[in-house]
Amino acid sequence: MEPVEINAGAWYLRSLRDDDRLSDVPALALLGVADAAGYVARAEAGWADESLFIWAVCIPTTGETVALIGVQQTGPESGELCGTARDGYAAALEAGAGPVSRFAAGALGLETAPLANALP
């Protein structure tokens, strides 16, 4: 599956990137991801094999990543919803939870539990 962008009100959700135009690697380091470049590659592979769906939660005007949210399939009809945010951006993470849960249910047929505070 190709990554899907989501408008979550005041926040914009997009797939992670690390290319010549945009790199999320510095933001991922701020979120506590040890191997940020590897994490981007893992996220891309997850979209490709439809097992893990990770979004960068961004400030729409700058594209700056302030949180991560994702769904990992845990069963035929279930998934784990988890995410983490930089200090001061918990509202961005919370704003993404509803739209991502609806995407998981509508597009993937996965029911998710409430948002867990952890790296997707």
N, C-alpha and C. Protein backbone atom coordinates (compact mmCIF):
# COMPACT_ATOMS: atom_id res chain seq x y z
N MET A 1 0.84 -1.17 0.00
CA MET A 1 0.00 0.00 0.00
C MET A 1 0.89 1.24 0.00
N GLU A 2 0.49 2.22 -0.78
CA GLU A 2 1.18 3.51 -0.75
C GLU A 2 0.78 4.26 0.52
N PRO A 3 1.70 5.01 1.13
CA PRO A 3 1.35 5.80 2.32
C PRO A 3 0.20 6.77 2.04
N VAL A 4 -0.63 6.94 3.05
CA VAL A 4 -1.81 7.80 2.97
C VAL A 4 -1.59 9.02 3.87
N GLU A 5 -1.84 10.20 3.34
CA GLU A 5 -1.75 11.42 4.13
C GLU A 5 -3.10 11.69 4.77
N ILE A 6 -3.07 12.24 5.99
CA ILE A 6 -4.29 12.50 6.74
C ILE A 6 -4.28 13.93 7.25
N ASN A 7 -5.39 14.62 7.09
CA ASN A 7 -5.57 15.94 7.69
C ASN A 7 -6.27 15.73 9.02
N ALA A 8 -5.61 16.11 10.11
CA ALA A 8 -6.17 15.94 11.45
C ALA A 8 -6.43 17.31 12.07
N GLY A 9 -7.24 18.10 11.42
CA GLY A 9 -7.56 19.44 11.93
C GLY A 9 -6.37 20.35 11.82
N ALA A 10 -5.80 20.73 12.96
CA ALA A 10 -4.66 21.66 12.98
C ALA A 10 -3.34 20.96 12.67
N TRP A 11 -3.37 19.65 12.45
CA TRP A 11 -2.15 18.88 12.24
C TRP A 11 -2.24 18.10 10.94
N TYR A 12 -1.09 17.81 10.38
CA TYR A 12 -0.99 17.12 9.11
C TYR A 12 -0.20 15.83 9.34
N LEU A 13 -0.73 14.70 8.92
CA LEU A 13 -0.06 13.42 9.08
C LEU A 13 0.41 12.91 7.72
N ARG A 14 1.67 12.53 7.67
CA ARG A 14 2.27 12.03 6.42
C ARG A 14 3.26 10.93 6.75
N SER A 15 3.67 10.21 5.73
CA SER A 15 4.66 9.15 5.94
C SER A 15 6.02 9.77 6.29
N LEU A 16 6.85 8.99 6.92
CA LEU A 16 8.19 9.44 7.26
C LEU A 16 9.04 9.53 6.01
N ARG A 17 9.98 10.46 6.02
CA ARG A 17 10.85 10.66 4.86
C ARG A 17 12.29 10.87 5.28
N ASP A 18 13.17 10.45 4.41
CA ASP A 18 14.60 10.72 4.54
C ASP A 18 15.18 10.71 3.13
N ASP A 19 15.02 11.85 2.44
CA ASP A 19 15.51 11.95 1.07
C ASP A 19 16.16 13.31 0.86
N ASP A 20 16.46 13.65 -0.37
CA ASP A 20 17.17 14.91 -0.65
C ASP A 20 16.30 16.15 -0.46
N ARG A 21 14.99 15.99 -0.34
CA ARG A 21 14.11 17.15 -0.14
C ARG A 21 13.67 17.33 1.31
N LEU A 22 13.53 16.22 2.04
CA LEU A 22 13.04 16.29 3.41
C LEU A 22 13.57 15.11 4.21
N SER A 23 14.06 15.38 5.40
CA SER A 23 14.52 14.31 6.28
C SER A 23 13.89 14.45 7.66
N ASP A 24 13.28 13.37 8.11
CA ASP A 24 12.71 13.32 9.45
C ASP A 24 13.72 12.81 10.47
N VAL A 25 14.93 12.48 10.04
CA VAL A 25 15.93 11.91 10.93
C VAL A 25 16.21 12.81 12.14
N PRO A 26 16.44 14.11 11.99
CA PRO A 26 16.67 14.94 13.18
C PRO A 26 15.47 14.96 14.14
N ALA A 27 14.27 15.02 13.61
CA ALA A 27 13.07 15.03 14.46
C ALA A 27 12.91 13.69 15.17
N LEU A 28 13.23 12.60 14.50
CA LEU A 28 13.13 11.29 15.13
C LEU A 28 14.11 11.16 16.28
N ALA A 29 15.29 11.74 16.12
CA ALA A 29 16.26 11.73 17.22
C ALA A 29 15.69 12.47 18.43
N LEU A 30 14.99 13.58 18.21
CA LEU A 30 14.36 14.33 19.31
C LEU A 30 13.25 13.52 19.97
N LEU A 31 12.67 12.58 19.23
CA LEU A 31 11.61 11.72 19.77
C LEU A 31 12.18 10.46 20.43
N GLY A 32 13.50 10.34 20.48
CA GLY A 32 14.13 9.23 21.16
C GLY A 32 14.38 8.00 20.31
N VAL A 33 14.30 8.13 19.00
CA VAL A 33 14.57 7.00 18.11
C VAL A 33 16.08 6.88 17.95
N ALA A 34 16.64 5.73 18.35
CA ALA A 34 18.09 5.55 18.32
C ALA A 34 18.64 5.48 16.90
N ASP A 35 18.08 4.65 16.05
CA ASP A 35 18.53 4.50 14.66
C ASP A 35 17.46 5.12 13.77
N ALA A 36 17.49 6.45 13.66
CA ALA A 36 16.43 7.17 12.96
C ALA A 36 16.33 6.79 11.49
N ALA A 37 17.45 6.67 10.79
CA ALA A 37 17.41 6.30 9.37
C ALA A 37 16.85 4.89 9.20
N GLY A 38 17.23 3.99 10.08
CA GLY A 38 16.69 2.63 10.05
C GLY A 38 15.19 2.61 10.35
N TYR A 39 14.76 3.49 11.23
CA TYR A 39 13.34 3.59 11.58
C TYR A 39 12.52 4.04 10.37
N VAL A 40 13.04 4.99 9.61
CA VAL A 40 12.35 5.43 8.38
C VAL A 40 12.23 4.26 7.41
N ALA A 41 13.31 3.50 7.26
CA ALA A 41 13.28 2.34 6.36
C ALA A 41 12.27 1.30 6.85
N ARG A 42 12.22 1.08 8.15
CA ARG A 42 11.23 0.14 8.73
C ARG A 42 9.81 0.61 8.46
N ALA A 43 9.59 1.91 8.60
CA ALA A 43 8.26 2.47 8.34
C ALA A 43 7.86 2.28 6.87
N GLU A 44 8.80 2.52 5.96
CA GLU A 44 8.52 2.33 4.53
C GLU A 44 8.19 0.87 4.23
N ALA A 45 8.93 -0.06 4.84
CA ALA A 45 8.68 -1.49 4.64
C ALA A 45 7.32 -1.88 5.21
N GLY A 46 6.94 -1.28 6.33
CA GLY A 46 5.64 -1.57 6.94
C GLY A 46 4.48 -1.18 6.05
N TRP A 47 4.59 -0.01 5.41
CA TRP A 47 3.56 0.40 4.46
C TRP A 47 3.53 -0.57 3.28
N ALA A 48 4.70 -0.96 2.79
CA ALA A 48 4.78 -1.81 1.61
C ALA A 48 4.16 -3.19 1.84
N ASP A 49 4.40 -3.77 3.03
CA ASP A 49 3.83 -5.10 3.28
C ASP A 49 2.54 -5.05 4.10
N GLU A 50 2.06 -3.85 4.37
CA GLU A 50 0.78 -3.60 5.06
C GLU A 50 0.71 -4.24 6.45
N SER A 51 1.84 -4.15 7.17
CA SER A 51 1.87 -4.68 8.53
C SER A 51 2.04 -3.60 9.59
N LEU A 52 2.56 -2.44 9.17
CA LEU A 52 2.84 -1.34 10.09
C LEU A 52 2.64 -0.03 9.34
N PHE A 53 1.86 0.86 9.93
CA PHE A 53 1.51 2.13 9.29
C PHE A 53 1.91 3.25 10.24
N ILE A 54 2.95 4.00 9.88
CA ILE A 54 3.47 5.06 10.74
C ILE A 54 3.34 6.40 10.05
N TRP A 55 2.87 7.39 10.80
CA TRP A 55 2.76 8.76 10.29
C TRP A 55 3.59 9.70 11.15
N ALA A 56 4.17 10.69 10.51
CA ALA A 56 4.75 11.84 11.19
C ALA A 56 3.61 12.82 11.39
N VAL A 57 3.43 13.30 12.61
CA VAL A 57 2.43 14.33 12.89
C VAL A 57 3.17 15.66 12.79
N CYS A 58 2.74 16.49 11.84
CA CYS A 58 3.50 17.68 11.49
C CYS A 58 2.73 18.98 11.68
N ILE A 59 3.48 20.04 11.89
CA ILE A 59 2.93 21.39 11.87
C ILE A 59 2.68 21.71 10.40
N PRO A 60 1.44 22.01 10.00
CA PRO A 60 1.14 22.19 8.57
C PRO A 60 1.94 23.29 7.89
N THR A 61 2.21 24.37 8.58
CA THR A 61 2.88 25.50 7.93
C THR A 61 4.37 25.29 7.71
N THR A 62 5.00 24.42 8.53
CA THR A 62 6.44 24.21 8.41
C THR A 62 6.82 22.79 8.00
N GLY A 63 5.92 21.84 8.21
CA GLY A 63 6.22 20.44 7.94
C GLY A 63 7.05 19.78 9.03
N GLU A 64 7.32 20.51 10.12
CA GLU A 64 8.13 19.98 11.21
C GLU A 64 7.41 18.83 11.91
N THR A 65 8.11 17.71 12.09
CA THR A 65 7.55 16.55 12.77
C THR A 65 7.63 16.76 14.27
N VAL A 66 6.47 16.68 14.95
CA VAL A 66 6.42 16.89 16.39
C VAL A 66 5.94 15.65 17.14
N ALA A 67 5.44 14.66 16.40
CA ALA A 67 4.97 13.43 17.03
C ALA A 67 4.97 12.32 15.99
N LEU A 68 4.86 11.10 16.47
CA LEU A 68 4.70 9.91 15.63
C LEU A 68 3.46 9.18 16.09
N ILE A 69 2.73 8.62 15.15
CA ILE A 69 1.58 7.79 15.49
C ILE A 69 1.53 6.65 14.50
N GLY A 70 1.12 5.49 14.97
CA GLY A 70 1.08 4.36 14.07
C GLY A 70 0.14 3.27 14.50
N VAL A 71 -0.12 2.38 13.56
CA VAL A 71 -0.95 1.20 13.80
C VAL A 71 -0.16 -0.01 13.32
N GLN A 72 -0.03 -0.99 14.20
CA GLN A 72 0.59 -2.25 13.82
C GLN A 72 -0.47 -3.34 13.92
N GLN A 73 -0.58 -4.11 12.85
CA GLN A 73 -1.56 -5.19 12.84
C GLN A 73 -1.14 -6.25 13.85
N THR A 74 -2.06 -6.64 14.73
CA THR A 74 -1.77 -7.64 15.76
C THR A 74 -2.58 -8.91 15.56
N GLY A 75 -3.58 -8.85 14.73
CA GLY A 75 -4.42 -10.00 14.44
C GLY A 75 -5.16 -9.74 13.15
N PRO A 76 -5.99 -10.69 12.71
CA PRO A 76 -6.70 -10.52 11.44
C PRO A 76 -7.60 -9.28 11.40
N GLU A 77 -8.15 -8.90 12.54
CA GLU A 77 -9.04 -7.74 12.58
C GLU A 77 -8.71 -6.78 13.71
N SER A 78 -7.47 -6.84 14.19
CA SER A 78 -7.10 -5.96 15.31
C SER A 78 -5.73 -5.34 15.06
N GLY A 79 -5.54 -4.20 15.69
CA GLY A 79 -4.28 -3.49 15.57
C GLY A 79 -3.98 -2.71 16.83
N GLU A 80 -2.71 -2.42 17.02
CA GLU A 80 -2.27 -1.62 18.17
C GLU A 80 -2.04 -0.19 17.70
N LEU A 81 -2.66 0.76 18.37
CA LEU A 81 -2.49 2.18 18.09
C LEU A 81 -1.53 2.75 19.12
N CYS A 82 -0.41 3.29 18.67
CA CYS A 82 0.54 3.85 19.61
C CYS A 82 1.22 5.07 19.01
N GLY A 83 1.79 5.88 19.87
CA GLY A 83 2.46 7.08 19.41
C GLY A 83 3.22 7.76 20.52
N THR A 84 4.00 8.73 20.13
CA THR A 84 4.78 9.52 21.08
C THR A 84 4.92 10.93 20.52
N ALA A 85 5.08 11.89 21.43
CA ALA A 85 5.19 13.29 21.02
C ALA A 85 6.35 13.96 21.72
N ARG A 86 6.89 14.98 21.08
CA ARG A 86 7.91 15.82 21.72
C ARG A 86 7.24 16.60 22.85
N ASP A 87 8.06 17.04 23.79
CA ASP A 87 7.54 17.84 24.90
C ASP A 87 6.77 19.03 24.36
N GLY A 88 5.57 19.25 24.90
CA GLY A 88 4.74 20.37 24.49
C GLY A 88 3.82 20.07 23.32
N TYR A 89 3.88 18.86 22.76
CA TYR A 89 3.08 18.53 21.58
C TYR A 89 2.13 17.35 21.79
N ALA A 90 1.74 17.09 23.03
CA ALA A 90 0.81 16.00 23.31
C ALA A 90 -0.52 16.21 22.56
N ALA A 91 -0.93 17.45 22.38
CA ALA A 91 -2.19 17.73 21.67
C ALA A 91 -2.12 17.28 20.22
N ALA A 92 -0.96 17.37 19.62
CA ALA A 92 -0.80 16.92 18.23
C ALA A 92 -1.01 15.41 18.14
N LEU A 93 -0.44 14.69 19.08
CA LEU A 93 -0.60 13.24 19.11
C LEU A 93 -2.06 12.86 19.33
N GLU A 94 -2.69 13.49 20.30
CA GLU A 94 -4.10 13.20 20.59
C GLU A 94 -4.99 13.52 19.39
N ALA A 95 -4.69 14.61 18.68
CA ALA A 95 -5.49 14.99 17.52
C ALA A 95 -5.40 13.95 16.40
N GLY A 96 -4.28 13.26 16.31
CA GLY A 96 -4.10 12.25 15.28
C GLY A 96 -4.74 10.92 15.61
N ALA A 97 -5.03 10.66 16.87
CA ALA A 97 -5.55 9.35 17.28
C ALA A 97 -6.89 9.00 16.62
N GLY A 98 -7.83 9.92 16.61
CA GLY A 98 -9.14 9.65 16.01
C GLY A 98 -9.06 9.37 14.52
N PRO A 99 -8.43 10.26 13.74
CA PRO A 99 -8.33 10.01 12.31
C PRO A 99 -7.57 8.72 11.96
N VAL A 100 -6.52 8.41 12.70
CA VAL A 100 -5.77 7.19 12.42
C VAL A 100 -6.61 5.96 12.79
N SER A 101 -7.33 6.02 13.89
CA SER A 101 -8.23 4.91 14.26
C SER A 101 -9.29 4.69 13.21
N ARG A 102 -9.84 5.78 12.69
CA ARG A 102 -10.86 5.66 11.64
C ARG A 102 -10.26 5.10 10.35
N PHE A 103 -9.04 5.50 10.01
CA PHE A 103 -8.37 4.94 8.85
C PHE A 103 -8.16 3.43 9.04
N ALA A 104 -7.69 3.04 10.23
CA ALA A 104 -7.45 1.62 10.50
C ALA A 104 -8.74 0.82 10.35
N ALA A 105 -9.84 1.35 10.84
CA ALA A 105 -11.12 0.64 10.75
C ALA A 105 -11.65 0.62 9.32
N GLY A 106 -11.68 1.77 8.69
CA GLY A 106 -12.30 1.88 7.37
C GLY A 106 -11.47 1.31 6.24
N ALA A 107 -10.18 1.57 6.23
CA ALA A 107 -9.33 1.15 5.11
C ALA A 107 -8.69 -0.22 5.33
N LEU A 108 -8.44 -0.55 6.59
CA LEU A 108 -7.71 -1.78 6.88
C LEU A 108 -8.56 -2.86 7.54
N GLY A 109 -9.75 -2.47 8.02
CA GLY A 109 -10.60 -3.43 8.71
C GLY A 109 -10.07 -3.82 10.08
N LEU A 110 -9.30 -2.92 10.71
CA LEU A 110 -8.70 -3.20 12.01
C LEU A 110 -9.34 -2.36 13.10
N GLU A 111 -9.77 -3.00 14.16
CA GLU A 111 -10.22 -2.28 15.35
C GLU A 111 -9.01 -2.08 16.25
N THR A 112 -8.89 -0.88 16.80
CA THR A 112 -7.74 -0.57 17.64
C THR A 112 -8.17 -0.24 19.05
N ALA A 113 -7.32 -0.54 20.00
CA ALA A 113 -7.53 -0.14 21.39
C ALA A 113 -7.17 1.34 21.50
N PRO A 114 -7.46 1.96 22.65
CA PRO A 114 -7.07 3.36 22.84
C PRO A 114 -5.56 3.55 22.67
N LEU A 115 -5.19 4.77 22.35
CA LEU A 115 -3.80 5.13 22.08
C LEU A 115 -2.88 4.78 23.24
N ALA A 116 -1.81 4.05 22.94
CA ALA A 116 -0.77 3.73 23.92
C ALA A 116 0.40 4.67 23.68
N ASN A 117 1.02 5.14 24.75
CA ASN A 117 2.15 6.05 24.64
C ASN A 117 3.43 5.25 24.47
N ALA A 118 3.80 5.00 23.22
CA ALA A 118 5.01 4.25 22.90
C ALA A 118 5.36 4.51 21.44
N LEU A 119 6.60 4.26 21.07
CA LEU A 119 6.98 4.40 19.67
C LEU A 119 6.22 3.36 18.86
N PRO A 120 5.66 3.79 17.74
CA PRO A 120 4.98 2.80 16.89
C PRO A 120 6.00 1.87 16.24
